Protein backbone atom coordinates (compact mmCIF):
# COMPACT_ATOMS: atom_id res chain seq x y z
CA UNK A 1 -1.98 23.40 -9.22
CA UNK A 2 1.56 21.94 -9.73
CA UNK A 3 4.64 24.09 -8.20
CA UNK A 4 8.42 23.32 -7.45
CA UNK A 5 8.64 22.66 -3.45
CA UNK A 6 10.28 25.59 -2.11
CA UNK A 7 10.50 26.41 1.77
CA UNK A 8 7.66 28.89 1.69
CA UNK A 9 5.15 26.28 -0.08
CA UNK A 10 6.32 23.00 1.84
CA UNK A 11 3.41 23.09 4.20
CA UNK A 12 0.84 23.26 1.40
CA UNK A 13 3.00 20.69 -0.81
CA UNK A 14 2.98 18.19 2.14
CA UNK A 15 -0.66 18.44 2.97
CA UNK A 16 -1.56 17.90 -0.69
CA UNK A 17 0.84 15.00 -0.99
CA UNK A 18 -0.35 13.30 2.06
CA UNK A 19 -3.93 13.37 1.06
CA UNK A 20 -3.38 10.42 -1.15
CA UNK A 21 -5.11 12.64 -4.17
CA UNK A 22 -1.92 14.41 -5.53
CA UNK A 23 0.67 13.39 -8.11
CA UNK A 24 3.11 13.83 -5.44
CA UNK A 25 3.57 11.34 -2.23
CA UNK A 26 5.11 11.88 0.86
CA UNK A 27 7.56 9.25 2.45
CA UNK A 28 7.86 9.36 6.12
CA UNK A 29 10.77 7.50 7.71
CA UNK A 30 13.75 5.45 5.91
CA UNK A 31 12.00 2.54 5.31
CA UNK A 32 9.38 3.94 3.22
CA UNK A 33 12.18 5.97 1.30
CA UNK A 34 14.27 2.88 1.04
CA UNK A 35 11.75 1.05 -0.93
CA UNK A 36 10.43 4.04 -2.84
CA UNK A 37 14.00 4.38 -4.37
CA UNK A 38 14.45 0.93 -4.81
CA UNK A 39 11.68 0.45 -6.95
CA UNK A 40 12.26 3.57 -8.84
CA UNK A 41 11.45 6.48 -7.29
CA UNK A 42 13.50 9.83 -7.47
CA UNK A 43 12.95 12.15 -4.29
CA UNK A 44 12.32 15.64 -5.20
CA UNK A 45 13.01 16.97 -1.73
CA UNK A 46 14.34 14.99 1.23
CA UNK A 47 14.41 16.86 4.66
CA UNK A 48 16.07 15.80 7.72
CA UNK A 49 17.03 17.62 11.20
CA UNK A 50 20.28 15.82 11.45
CA UNK A 51 22.05 14.92 8.23
CA UNK A 52 25.05 13.12 10.10
CA UNK A 53 22.86 10.97 11.94
CA UNK A 54 20.93 10.08 9.02
CA UNK A 55 23.85 9.08 7.04
CA UNK A 56 25.21 7.18 10.00
CA UNK A 57 21.97 5.44 10.55
CA UNK A 58 21.82 4.34 6.73
CA UNK A 59 25.45 3.01 6.84
CA UNK A 60 24.52 1.11 9.87
CA UNK A 61 21.75 -0.52 8.04
CA UNK A 62 23.86 -1.43 5.27
CA UNK A 63 22.17 0.83 2.71
CA UNK A 64 25.30 2.23 0.84
CA UNK A 65 22.94 3.27 -2.23
CA UNK A 66 20.56 5.28 -0.17
CA UNK A 67 23.39 6.87 2.13
CA UNK A 68 24.87 8.05 -1.02
CA UNK A 69 21.75 9.49 -2.26
CA UNK A 70 21.23 11.22 1.56
CA UNK A 71 24.45 12.65 1.35
CA UNK A 72 24.17 14.30 -1.93
CA UNK A 73 20.32 15.43 -1.61
CA UNK A 74 19.32 15.44 1.90
CA UNK A 75 18.61 19.11 3.20
CA UNK A 76 19.01 19.73 6.78
CA UNK A 77 16.44 21.63 8.62
CA UNK A 78 15.54 23.19 12.13
CA UNK A 79 13.87 20.67 14.27
CA UNK A 80 10.63 22.54 14.27
CA UNK A 81 10.38 22.88 10.67
CA UNK A 82 10.98 19.22 10.65
CA UNK A 83 8.31 18.29 13.27
CA UNK A 84 5.70 20.70 11.78
CA UNK A 85 5.95 18.82 8.24
CA UNK A 86 6.23 15.28 9.82
CA UNK A 87 3.27 15.68 12.36
CA UNK A 88 3.93 12.93 13.89
CA UNK A 89 7.30 11.41 15.47
CA UNK A 90 9.70 9.66 12.84
CA UNK A 91 12.16 7.72 14.69
CA UNK A 92 14.62 7.61 11.68
CA UNK A 93 14.62 11.26 10.99
CA UNK A 94 13.68 11.59 7.81
CA UNK A 95 10.87 12.78 5.40
CA UNK A 96 10.53 13.09 1.58
CA UNK A 97 8.52 13.96 -1.35
CA UNK A 98 8.47 12.18 -4.54
CA UNK A 99 6.31 11.57 -7.62
CA UNK A 100 3.87 8.93 -7.91
CA UNK A 101 4.68 5.97 -10.64
CA UNK A 102 2.63 6.06 -13.65
CA UNK A 103 -0.47 4.08 -12.83
CA UNK A 104 -1.03 0.71 -14.62
CA UNK A 105 -4.30 -0.32 -15.62
CA UNK A 106 -5.55 -3.39 -13.77
CA UNK A 107 -6.04 -5.36 -17.15
CA UNK A 108 -2.16 -5.05 -17.66
CA UNK A 109 -1.45 -6.57 -14.36
CA UNK A 110 0.56 -9.67 -14.28
CA UNK A 111 -2.04 -12.17 -15.52
CA UNK A 112 -0.67 -15.42 -13.45
CA UNK A 113 -0.76 -14.21 -9.97
CA UNK A 114 -3.68 -13.20 -7.36
CA UNK A 115 -4.98 -9.57 -7.14
CA UNK A 116 -6.55 -7.91 -4.18
CA UNK A 117 -9.51 -5.34 -3.84
CA UNK A 118 -10.35 -3.75 -0.72
CA UNK A 119 -14.10 -2.95 -0.51
CA UNK A 120 -14.76 0.21 1.06
CA UNK A 121 -11.64 0.12 3.79
CA UNK A 122 -12.01 2.39 6.71
CA UNK A 123 -8.61 2.55 8.09
CA UNK A 124 -5.73 3.96 5.65
CA UNK A 125 -3.23 1.96 8.22
CA UNK A 126 -4.72 -1.17 7.00
CA UNK A 127 -4.70 -0.32 3.27
CA UNK A 128 -0.97 0.03 3.75
CA UNK A 129 -0.29 -2.89 5.75
CA UNK A 130 -2.42 -4.97 2.68
CA UNK A 131 -0.02 -3.46 0.41
CA UNK A 132 3.12 -4.48 2.08
CA UNK A 133 1.94 -7.76 2.34
CA UNK A 134 0.61 -8.01 -1.26
CA UNK A 135 3.85 -6.73 -2.36
CA UNK A 136 5.98 -9.22 -0.41
CA UNK A 137 3.98 -12.16 -1.73
CA UNK A 138 4.30 -11.07 -5.43
CA UNK A 139 0.51 -10.07 -5.93
CA UNK A 140 -0.30 -8.61 -9.65
CA UNK A 141 -1.50 -5.55 -7.88
CA UNK A 142 -4.09 -3.92 -5.26
CA UNK A 143 -7.24 -1.86 -6.05
CA UNK A 144 -9.45 -0.07 -3.39
CA UNK A 145 -12.82 1.47 -3.54
CA UNK A 146 -12.86 4.78 -5.19
CA UNK A 147 -13.53 6.60 -1.75
CA UNK A 148 -10.16 5.46 -0.43
CA UNK A 149 -6.56 5.84 -1.55
CA UNK A 150 -3.62 3.62 -1.11
CA UNK A 151 -1.18 6.64 -1.64
CA UNK A 152 -2.36 8.46 1.62
CA UNK A 153 0.53 9.55 3.74
CA UNK A 154 -0.41 7.19 6.43
CA UNK A 155 -0.80 4.18 3.96
CA UNK A 156 2.18 4.77 2.43
CA UNK A 157 3.85 4.95 5.84
CA UNK A 158 2.18 1.69 6.92
CA UNK A 159 3.16 -0.03 3.36
CA UNK A 160 6.93 1.09 4.02
CA UNK A 161 6.90 2.44 0.49
CA UNK A 162 5.94 -0.36 -1.15
CA UNK A 163 3.03 1.25 -3.08
CA UNK A 164 6.17 1.81 -5.56
CA UNK A 165 6.67 -2.02 -6.03
CA UNK A 166 3.03 -2.85 -6.58
CA UNK A 167 0.52 -1.62 -9.12
CA UNK A 168 -2.36 0.01 -7.32
CA UNK A 169 -5.79 1.18 -8.60
CA UNK A 170 -8.85 2.57 -7.48
CA UNK A 171 -12.27 0.85 -8.52
CA UNK A 172 -16.00 1.33 -8.02
CA UNK A 173 -16.96 -2.30 -6.73
CA UNK A 174 -20.16 -1.99 -9.29
CA UNK A 175 -17.35 -2.10 -11.96
CA UNK A 176 -15.12 -5.24 -10.62
CA UNK A 177 -16.43 -7.65 -13.35
CA UNK A 178 -15.91 -5.13 -16.11
CA UNK A 179 -12.35 -3.84 -14.90
CA UNK A 180 -11.10 -7.33 -13.97
CA UNK A 181 -12.12 -9.77 -16.31
CA UNK A 182 -11.29 -12.39 -17.09
CA UNK A 183 -10.00 -12.67 -13.10
CA UNK A 184 -12.44 -14.92 -11.08
CA UNK A 185 -13.63 -12.59 -8.39
CA UNK A 186 -13.65 -14.47 -4.86
CA UNK A 187 -14.77 -12.83 -1.80
CA UNK A 188 -14.04 -13.26 1.66
CA UNK A 189 -16.34 -13.54 4.37
CA UNK A 190 -16.65 -15.33 7.64
CA UNK A 191 -19.92 -16.87 6.13
CA UNK A 192 -18.08 -18.24 3.30
CA UNK A 193 -16.75 -21.78 2.04
CA UNK A 194 -13.62 -22.94 3.82
CA UNK A 195 -11.01 -22.03 1.28
CA UNK A 196 -9.26 -25.58 1.66
CA UNK A 197 -12.39 -26.77 0.20
CA UNK A 198 -12.13 -24.82 -3.20
CA UNK A 199 -9.57 -24.87 -5.98
CA UNK A 200 -8.19 -21.28 -5.89
CA UNK A 201 -7.30 -20.05 -9.32
CA UNK A 202 -4.09 -18.48 -9.35
CA UNK A 203 -5.20 -15.25 -11.15
CA UNK A 204 -7.83 -14.78 -8.70
CA UNK A 205 -9.17 -11.37 -7.54
CA UNK A 206 -9.67 -11.64 -3.76
CA UNK A 207 -11.94 -9.11 -2.45
CA UNK A 208 -11.86 -7.99 1.35
CA UNK A 209 -14.49 -5.94 3.03
CA UNK A 210 -14.62 -3.13 5.14
CA UNK A 211 -13.63 -3.55 9.08
CA UNK A 212 -16.88 -3.19 10.13
CA UNK A 213 -19.55 -4.36 7.70
CA UNK A 214 -17.55 -6.81 5.81
CA UNK A 215 -18.40 -7.21 1.71
CA UNK A 216 -20.81 -5.00 -0.02
CA UNK A 217 -23.87 -6.44 -1.81
CA UNK A 218 -22.31 -5.24 -5.15
CA UNK A 219 -19.18 -7.49 -4.29
CA UNK A 220 -21.40 -10.24 -3.22
CA UNK A 221 -23.30 -10.15 -6.42
CA UNK A 222 -19.93 -9.90 -8.77
CA UNK A 223 -18.50 -12.72 -6.65
CA UNK A 224 -17.84 -16.20 -8.57
CA UNK A 225 -17.20 -17.58 -4.83
CA UNK A 226 -17.44 -16.73 -1.22
CA UNK A 227 -14.70 -18.02 1.15
CA UNK A 228 -13.50 -18.02 4.68
CA UNK A 229 -10.52 -18.72 6.53
CA UNK A 230 -10.61 -21.71 8.81
CA UNK A 231 -10.67 -20.12 12.53
CA UNK A 232 -10.71 -21.52 16.12
CA UNK A 233 -14.21 -21.60 17.38
CA UNK A 234 -14.94 -18.51 18.98
CA UNK A 235 -12.75 -16.08 16.96
CA UNK A 236 -14.92 -14.07 14.61
CA UNK A 237 -12.69 -12.04 12.71
CA UNK A 238 -9.06 -10.77 11.73
CA UNK A 239 -7.69 -7.60 11.32
CA UNK A 240 -7.92 -6.73 7.67
CA UNK A 241 -4.11 -6.89 6.56
CA UNK A 242 -4.06 -10.02 8.33
CA UNK A 243 -6.58 -11.75 6.51
CA UNK A 244 -5.26 -10.64 3.10
CA UNK A 245 -1.92 -12.07 4.35
CA UNK A 246 -3.47 -15.35 5.22
CA UNK A 247 -5.54 -15.42 2.15
CA UNK A 248 -2.73 -14.78 -0.35
CA UNK A 249 -0.11 -16.78 1.22
CA UNK A 250 -2.69 -19.80 1.53
CA UNK A 251 -3.79 -19.72 -1.95
CA UNK A 252 -0.22 -19.89 -3.10
CA UNK A 253 0.71 -22.69 -0.98
CA UNK A 254 -2.57 -24.78 -2.11
CA UNK A 255 -2.01 -23.86 -5.42
CA UNK A 256 1.27 -25.22 -5.92
CA UNK A 257 -0.05 -28.53 -3.96
């Protein structure tokens, strides 16, 4: 059911949008709101417990365009109301609702840039952090297993709203070849070959397994190559988002040499 955000239904709308399965998305904090607006979002609702303080913060950060939007559209609410909707401390004192952008199918993503697939990620914060680094390095897009969502409220917060700057999708691991052809699928696993020994295609789909069990059998079967990051002996693994960052940036550097 779709309905306009009014004060009476705010709790229900924020709960639905925060799940990552709704057409709306929650933006927690000034950084998420800043990036969302910068990349095309038009917030439907902006709430703050202190408009004057929020406007001053935006001015201090040099966000004049966002400051104009806040002065025009931000709605001041009681601290108790704000905290009940925020559900956690928001140091910058702002939360918002916006419509998700129209999704782009993976076959329409930028063809000459790497893409990312997260295979059964367990932590939505890691999904968001991976979105943030993928957007920063100019990746073509990021997909996750169908059980996860890059639009979950905590993922959007961890991604600083950069889901609006990066195409995203949900895909079953069993369908990787079909969905991402002709991209070569390169899985990342600690038992793989050192990535420095391999010519990494610029349009590769880099696949990263879950934090606990690594890549699934479906991914291993679909992969043209399994690679690993060189690490100091005795260090067994990296945080998911850290691994995504290292592989993406190394692949870009190595492909230019």
